[in-house]
Amino acid sequence: MPFDSFLLLALAGGYLFGSIPFGLLLTRLAGLGDIRSIGSGNIGATNVLRTGRKDLALATLVLDSGKAGLACLAFTFLHSTEAGLIAGGAAFFGHCFPVWLKFKGGKGVATFLGVLLAAAWPVGVLTCLTWLGMALLMRISSLSALVAAAAAPALALAFGRHDVALLALLLTLPLYWRHRENITRLLSGTEPRIGAAKT
């Protein structure tokens, strides 16, 4: 089967779109300085919340999720489901490892969920509900993300979406790697709860 060069475009386009650091841009525009100097130093919604601006945290969550979802949907429409999954996965890596920030980006939770919602919305919704249920029960964002990410491949298989299951598995591995410090704190019982200041 000949290689389709459009898939390279999906890879590059998805990565570049995903690398837009909305959390950093929004907090700077709001006059809050560099979000990387606050809390965990992360550019994602959880750390934006530590500034006390819930509106900016929500906007960051929506935009970080939306950029991955839009990349997936756009390339699915322009070409194929395969191209959409590649673009969505690349957007995840662009968010986590943006070239503009010396490859030091977010942890990928919102983009992970955005890809799933766009690629197979029942899987995405159930993954989001898994995150929400854990967040309400344990009040720890990182634990909620880790459990939801681990559940996503199995949920995709349950819906017969082997392609989405494979993508979810491939994205779960770097997501866990990006959360390695959180995992250490979870094991030691020192991981902060949602809304608490990080010490």
C-alpha atoms as a PDB file:
ATOM      1  CA  MET A   1       0.000   0.000   0.000  1.00  0.00           C
ATOM      2  CA  PRO A   2       1.611   3.303  -1.045  1.00  0.00           C
ATOM      3  CA  PHE A   3       2.304   5.885   1.624  1.00  0.00           C
ATOM      4  CA  ASP A   4      -0.070   8.829   1.608  1.00  0.00           C
ATOM      5  CA  SER A   5       1.867  12.093   1.907  1.00  0.00           C
ATOM      6  CA  PHE A   6      -1.249  13.787   3.313  1.00  0.00           C
ATOM      7  CA  LEU A   7      -0.646  11.844   6.517  1.00  0.00           C
ATOM      8  CA  LEU A   8       2.616  13.773   6.935  1.00  0.00           C
ATOM      9  CA  LEU A   9       0.632  16.982   6.616  1.00  0.00           C
ATOM     10  CA  ALA A  10      -1.757  15.719   9.291  1.00  0.00           C
ATOM     11  CA  LEU A  11       1.212  14.941  11.539  1.00  0.00           C
ATOM     12  CA  ALA A  12       2.836  18.349  11.073  1.00  0.00           C
ATOM     13  CA  GLY A  13      -0.400  20.344  11.126  1.00  0.00           C
ATOM     14  CA  GLY A  14      -1.687  18.581  14.216  1.00  0.00           C
ATOM     15  CA  TYR A  15       1.591  19.108  16.056  1.00  0.00           C
ATOM     16  CA  LEU A  16       1.790  22.815  15.244  1.00  0.00           C
ATOM     17  CA  PHE A  17      -1.831  23.428  16.197  1.00  0.00           C
ATOM     18  CA  GLY A  18      -1.436  21.471  19.410  1.00  0.00           C
ATOM     19  CA  SER A  19       1.700  23.390  20.338  1.00  0.00           C
ATOM     20  CA  ILE A  20      -0.223  26.670  20.832  1.00  0.00           C
ATOM     21  CA  PRO A  21       0.242  27.319  24.600  1.00  0.00           C
ATOM     22  CA  PHE A  22      -3.161  28.754  25.460  1.00  0.00           C
ATOM     23  CA  GLY A  23      -2.586  28.699  29.229  1.00  0.00           C
ATOM     24  CA  LEU A  24       0.575  30.748  28.869  1.00  0.00           C
ATOM     25  CA  LEU A  25      -0.998  33.168  26.392  1.00  0.00           C
ATOM     26  CA  LEU A  26      -4.175  33.740  28.402  1.00  0.00           C
ATOM     27  CA  THR A  27      -2.407  34.379  31.696  1.00  0.00           C
ATOM     28  CA  ARG A  28       0.005  36.801  30.045  1.00  0.00           C
ATOM     29  CA  LEU A  29      -2.836  38.667  28.370  1.00  0.00           C
ATOM     30  CA  ALA A  30      -4.555  38.876  31.762  1.00  0.00           C
ATOM     31  CA  GLY A  31      -1.452  40.492  33.279  1.00  0.00           C
ATOM     32  CA  LEU A  32      -0.611  37.524  35.498  1.00  0.00           C
ATOM     33  CA  GLY A  33       2.914  37.081  34.174  1.00  0.00           C
ATOM     34  CA  ASP A  34       4.455  33.775  33.191  1.00  0.00           C
ATOM     35  CA  ILE A  35       2.345  30.822  34.359  1.00  0.00           C
ATOM     36  CA  ARG A  36       5.513  28.731  34.336  1.00  0.00           C
ATOM     37  CA  SER A  37       6.692  30.617  37.431  1.00  0.00           C
ATOM     38  CA  ILE A  38       3.548  29.694  39.395  1.00  0.00           C
ATOM     39  CA  GLY A  39       2.706  26.464  41.200  1.00  0.00           C
ATOM     40  CA  SER A  40       3.879  23.442  39.253  1.00  0.00           C
ATOM     41  CA  GLY A  41       5.174  25.573  36.386  1.00  0.00           C
ATOM     42  CA  ASN A  42       2.802  23.747  34.047  1.00  0.00           C
ATOM     43  CA  ILE A  43       0.927  25.591  31.273  1.00  0.00           C
ATOM     44  CA  GLY A  44      -2.286  23.593  31.663  1.00  0.00           C
ATOM     45  CA  ALA A  45      -5.650  24.400  33.214  1.00  0.00           C
ATOM     46  CA  THR A  46      -4.907  22.911  36.646  1.00  0.00           C
ATOM     47  CA  ASN A  47      -1.970  25.241  37.159  1.00  0.00           C
ATOM     48  CA  VAL A  48      -3.856  28.205  35.691  1.00  0.00           C
ATOM     49  CA  LEU A  49      -6.465  27.551  38.389  1.00  0.00           C
ATOM     50  CA  ARG A  50      -3.765  28.196  40.987  1.00  0.00           C
ATOM     51  CA  THR A  51      -3.703  31.848  39.904  1.00  0.00           C
ATOM     52  CA  GLY A  52      -7.196  32.171  41.339  1.00  0.00           C
ATOM     53  CA  ARG A  53      -8.721  32.874  37.927  1.00  0.00           C
ATOM     54  CA  LYS A  54     -11.325  30.168  37.401  1.00  0.00           C
ATOM     55  CA  ASP A  55     -12.437  31.799  34.166  1.00  0.00           C
ATOM     56  CA  LEU A  56      -8.959  31.551  32.683  1.00  0.00           C
ATOM     57  CA  ALA A  57      -8.614  27.965  33.892  1.00  0.00           C
ATOM     58  CA  LEU A  58     -11.884  27.037  32.195  1.00  0.00           C
ATOM     59  CA  ALA A  59     -10.879  28.828  28.997  1.00  0.00           C
ATOM     60  CA  THR A  60      -7.537  27.004  29.016  1.00  0.00           C
ATOM     61  CA  LEU A  61      -9.289  23.669  29.500  1.00  0.00           C
ATOM     62  CA  VAL A  62     -11.688  24.311  26.628  1.00  0.00           C
ATOM     63  CA  LEU A  63      -9.025  25.617  24.250  1.00  0.00           C
ATOM     64  CA  ASP A  64      -6.476  22.893  25.025  1.00  0.00           C
ATOM     65  CA  SER A  65      -9.143  20.253  24.522  1.00  0.00           C
ATOM     66  CA  GLY A  66     -10.578  22.013  21.496  1.00  0.00           C
ATOM     67  CA  LYS A  67      -7.308  22.328  19.616  1.00  0.00           C
ATOM     68  CA  ALA A  68      -6.805  18.571  19.639  1.00  0.00           C
ATOM     69  CA  GLY A  69     -10.425  17.868  18.837  1.00  0.00           C
ATOM     70  CA  LEU A  70     -10.464  20.381  15.997  1.00  0.00           C
ATOM     71  CA  ALA A  71      -7.266  18.950  14.516  1.00  0.00           C
ATOM     72  CA  CYS A  72      -8.797  15.478  14.581  1.00  0.00           C
ATOM     73  CA  LEU A  73     -12.094  16.569  13.055  1.00  0.00           C
ATOM     74  CA  ALA A  74     -10.514  18.798  10.412  1.00  0.00           C
ATOM     75  CA  PHE A  75      -8.198  16.140   9.017  1.00  0.00           C
ATOM     76  CA  THR A  76     -10.920  13.490   9.241  1.00  0.00           C
ATOM     77  CA  PHE A  77     -13.133  15.736   7.108  1.00  0.00           C
ATOM     78  CA  LEU A  78     -10.335  16.658   4.698  1.00  0.00           C
ATOM     79  CA  HIS A  79      -8.996  13.151   4.245  1.00  0.00           C
ATOM     80  CA  SER A  80      -9.809  10.148   6.425  1.00  0.00           C
ATOM     81  CA  THR A  81     -10.321   8.779   9.926  1.00  0.00           C
ATOM     82  CA  GLU A  82      -6.677   7.711   9.922  1.00  0.00           C
ATOM     83  CA  ALA A  83      -5.502  11.238   9.140  1.00  0.00           C
ATOM     84  CA  GLY A  84      -7.772  12.596  11.863  1.00  0.00           C
ATOM     85  CA  LEU A  85      -6.353  10.252  14.484  1.00  0.00           C
ATOM     86  CA  ILE A  86      -2.809  11.120  13.429  1.00  0.00           C
ATOM     87  CA  ALA A  87      -3.540  14.849  13.624  1.00  0.00           C
ATOM     88  CA  GLY A  88      -5.236  14.529  16.999  1.00  0.00           C
ATOM     89  CA  GLY A  89      -2.398  12.437  18.383  1.00  0.00           C
ATOM     90  CA  ALA A  90       0.148  14.893  17.001  1.00  0.00           C
ATOM     91  CA  ALA A  91      -1.729  17.752  18.671  1.00  0.00           C
ATOM     92  CA  PHE A  92      -1.325  15.916  21.971  1.00  0.00           C
ATOM     93  CA  PHE A  93       2.434  15.698  21.456  1.00  0.00           C
ATOM     94  CA  GLY A  94       2.524  19.328  20.334  1.00  0.00           C
ATOM     95  CA  HIS A  95       0.874  20.362  23.592  1.00  0.00           C
ATOM     96  CA  CYS A  96       3.174  18.247  25.747  1.00  0.00           C
ATOM     97  CA  PHE A  97       6.367  19.034  23.833  1.00  0.00           C
ATOM     98  CA  PRO A  98       5.940  22.408  22.031  1.00  0.00           C
ATOM     99  CA  VAL A  99       8.949  23.512  20.013  1.00  0.00           C
ATOM    100  CA  TRP A 100       8.260  27.155  20.981  1.00  0.00           C
ATOM    101  CA  LEU A 101       8.794  26.401  24.685  1.00  0.00           C
ATOM    102  CA  LYS A 102      11.862  24.209  24.301  1.00  0.00           C
ATOM    103  CA  PHE A 103       9.629  21.118  24.345  1.00  0.00           C
ATOM    104  CA  LYS A 104       8.406  21.869  27.896  1.00  0.00           C
ATOM    105  CA  GLY A 105       4.630  21.992  27.655  1.00  0.00           C
ATOM    106  CA  GLY A 106       1.571  20.710  29.449  1.00  0.00           C
ATOM    107  CA  LYS A 107       0.743  17.253  30.718  1.00  0.00           C
ATOM    108  CA  GLY A 108      -1.758  16.532  27.992  1.00  0.00           C
ATOM    109  CA  VAL A 109      -4.935  15.681  29.896  1.00  0.00           C
ATOM    110  CA  ALA A 110      -7.226  18.175  28.138  1.00  0.00           C
ATOM    111  CA  THR A 111      -5.783  17.397  24.700  1.00  0.00           C
ATOM    112  CA  PHE A 112      -6.093  13.669  25.408  1.00  0.00           C
ATOM    113  CA  LEU A 113      -9.784  14.111  26.196  1.00  0.00           C
ATOM    114  CA  GLY A 114     -10.264  16.382  23.190  1.00  0.00           C
ATOM    115  CA  VAL A 115      -8.924  13.762  20.794  1.00  0.00           C
ATOM    116  CA  LEU A 116     -11.194  11.081  22.236  1.00  0.00           C
ATOM    117  CA  LEU A 117     -14.270  13.300  22.102  1.00  0.00           C
ATOM    118  CA  ALA A 118     -13.617  14.069  18.441  1.00  0.00           C
ATOM    119  CA  ALA A 119     -12.566  10.587  17.370  1.00  0.00           C
ATOM    120  CA  ALA A 120     -15.254   8.582  19.202  1.00  0.00           C
ATOM    121  CA  TRP A 121     -17.514  10.771  21.306  1.00  0.00           C
ATOM    122  CA  PRO A 122     -19.022   7.955  23.453  1.00  0.00           C
ATOM    123  CA  VAL A 123     -15.510   6.917  24.455  1.00  0.00           C
ATOM    124  CA  GLY A 124     -14.577  10.539  25.116  1.00  0.00           C
ATOM    125  CA  VAL A 125     -17.677  11.180  27.208  1.00  0.00           C
ATOM    126  CA  LEU A 126     -17.151   8.077  29.339  1.00  0.00           C
ATOM    127  CA  THR A 127     -13.471   8.970  29.813  1.00  0.00           C
ATOM    128  CA  CYS A 128     -14.481  12.474  30.913  1.00  0.00           C
ATOM    129  CA  LEU A 129     -17.046  10.997  33.313  1.00  0.00           C
ATOM    130  CA  THR A 130     -14.350   8.715  34.715  1.00  0.00           C
ATOM    131  CA  TRP A 131     -12.173  11.764  35.349  1.00  0.00           C
ATOM    132  CA  LEU A 132     -15.079  13.654  36.886  1.00  0.00           C
ATOM    133  CA  GLY A 133     -16.106  10.774  39.131  1.00  0.00           C
ATOM    134  CA  MET A 134     -12.571  10.354  40.450  1.00  0.00           C
ATOM    135  CA  ALA A 135     -12.200  14.109  40.903  1.00  0.00           C
ATOM    136  CA  LEU A 136     -15.397  14.314  42.947  1.00  0.00           C
ATOM    137  CA  LEU A 137     -14.418  11.270  44.990  1.00  0.00           C
ATOM    138  CA  MET A 138     -10.724  11.936  45.608  1.00  0.00           C
ATOM    139  CA  ARG A 139     -10.330  15.673  44.839  1.00  0.00           C
ATOM    140  CA  ILE A 140      -6.963  15.026  43.189  1.00  0.00           C
ATOM    141  CA  SER A 141      -6.659  16.133  39.566  1.00  0.00           C
ATOM    142  CA  SER A 142      -3.620  14.043  38.657  1.00  0.00           C
ATOM    143  CA  LEU A 143      -5.085  10.821  40.053  1.00  0.00           C
ATOM    144  CA  SER A 144      -8.309  11.458  38.166  1.00  0.00           C
ATOM    145  CA  ALA A 145      -6.351  11.960  34.938  1.00  0.00           C
ATOM    146  CA  LEU A 146      -4.265   8.825  35.415  1.00  0.00           C
ATOM    147  CA  VAL A 147      -7.299   6.640  36.097  1.00  0.00           C
ATOM    148  CA  ALA A 148      -9.262   8.104  33.171  1.00  0.00           C
ATOM    149  CA  ALA A 149      -6.337   7.673  30.776  1.00  0.00           C
ATOM    150  CA  ALA A 150      -5.830   4.062  31.857  1.00  0.00           C
ATOM    151  CA  ALA A 151      -9.535   3.356  31.301  1.00  0.00           C
ATOM    152  CA  ALA A 152      -9.692   4.946  27.835  1.00  0.00           C
ATOM    153  CA  PRO A 153      -8.191   2.087  25.760  1.00  0.00           C
ATOM    154  CA  ALA A 154     -10.535  -0.442  27.368  1.00  0.00           C
ATOM    155  CA  LEU A 155     -13.521   1.844  26.789  1.00  0.00           C
ATOM    156  CA  ALA A 156     -12.573   2.223  23.135  1.00  0.00           C
ATOM    157  CA  LEU A 157     -12.311  -1.548  22.739  1.00  0.00           C
ATOM    158  CA  ALA A 158     -15.733  -1.937  24.328  1.00  0.00           C
ATOM    159  CA  PHE A 159     -17.152   0.222  21.533  1.00  0.00           C
ATOM    160  CA  GLY A 160     -15.291  -1.743  18.888  1.00  0.00           C
ATOM    161  CA  ARG A 161     -12.928   1.116  18.049  1.00  0.00           C
ATOM    162  CA  HIS A 162      -9.610  -0.676  17.898  1.00  0.00           C
ATOM    163  CA  ASP A 163      -7.985   2.283  16.139  1.00  0.00           C
ATOM    164  CA  VAL A 164      -9.009   4.674  18.921  1.00  0.00           C
ATOM    165  CA  ALA A 165      -7.933   2.135  21.551  1.00  0.00           C
ATOM    166  CA  LEU A 166      -4.468   1.971  20.001  1.00  0.00           C
ATOM    167  CA  LEU A 167      -4.206   5.758  19.862  1.00  0.00           C
ATOM    168  CA  ALA A 168      -5.394   6.072  23.481  1.00  0.00           C
ATOM    169  CA  LEU A 169      -2.783   3.542  24.582  1.00  0.00           C
ATOM    170  CA  LEU A 170      -0.017   5.338  22.670  1.00  0.00           C
ATOM    171  CA  LEU A 171      -1.004   8.653  24.271  1.00  0.00           C
ATOM    172  CA  THR A 172      -1.441   7.198  27.758  1.00  0.00           C
ATOM    173  CA  LEU A 173       2.230   6.229  27.955  1.00  0.00           C
ATOM    174  CA  PRO A 174       3.655   9.777  27.547  1.00  0.00           C
ATOM    175  CA  LEU A 175       0.794  11.137  29.675  1.00  0.00           C
ATOM    176  CA  TYR A 176       1.960   8.926  32.533  1.00  0.00           C
ATOM    177  CA  TRP A 177       5.547  10.007  31.877  1.00  0.00           C
ATOM    178  CA  ARG A 178       4.528  13.674  32.096  1.00  0.00           C
ATOM    179  CA  HIS A 179       2.850  12.861  35.423  1.00  0.00           C
ATOM    180  CA  ARG A 180       5.831  11.031  36.904  1.00  0.00           C
ATOM    181  CA  GLU A 181       6.363  13.654  39.624  1.00  0.00           C
ATOM    182  CA  ASN A 182       2.662  13.537  40.466  1.00  0.00           C
ATOM    183  CA  ILE A 183       2.867   9.755  40.751  1.00  0.00           C
ATOM    184  CA  THR A 184       5.758  10.096  43.189  1.00  0.00           C
ATOM    185  CA  ARG A 185       3.740  12.540  45.305  1.00  0.00           C
ATOM    186  CA  LEU A 186       0.661  10.318  45.132  1.00  0.00           C
ATOM    187  CA  LEU A 187       2.674   7.414  46.463  1.00  0.00           C
ATOM    188  CA  SER A 188       4.055   9.576  49.280  1.00  0.00           C
ATOM    189  CA  GLY A 189       0.664  11.129  50.076  1.00  0.00           C
ATOM    190  CA  THR A 190       1.787  14.694  49.343  1.00  0.00           C
ATOM    191  CA  GLU A 191      -0.078  15.397  46.096  1.00  0.00           C
ATOM    192  CA  PRO A 192      -2.170  18.596  46.485  1.00  0.00           C
ATOM    193  CA  ARG A 193      -5.915  18.480  46.075  1.00  0.00           C
ATOM    194  CA  ILE A 194      -7.917  20.378  43.489  1.00  0.00           C
ATOM    195  CA  GLY A 195      -7.929  24.106  44.205  1.00  0.00           C
ATOM    196  CA  ALA A 196      -5.145  23.913  46.773  1.00  0.00           C
ATOM    197  CA  ALA A 197      -1.933  25.870  46.388  1.00  0.00           C
ATOM    198  CA  LYS A 198       1.042  23.757  45.411  1.00  0.00           C
ATOM    199  CA  THR A 199       3.862  23.896  47.944  1.00  0.00           C
END
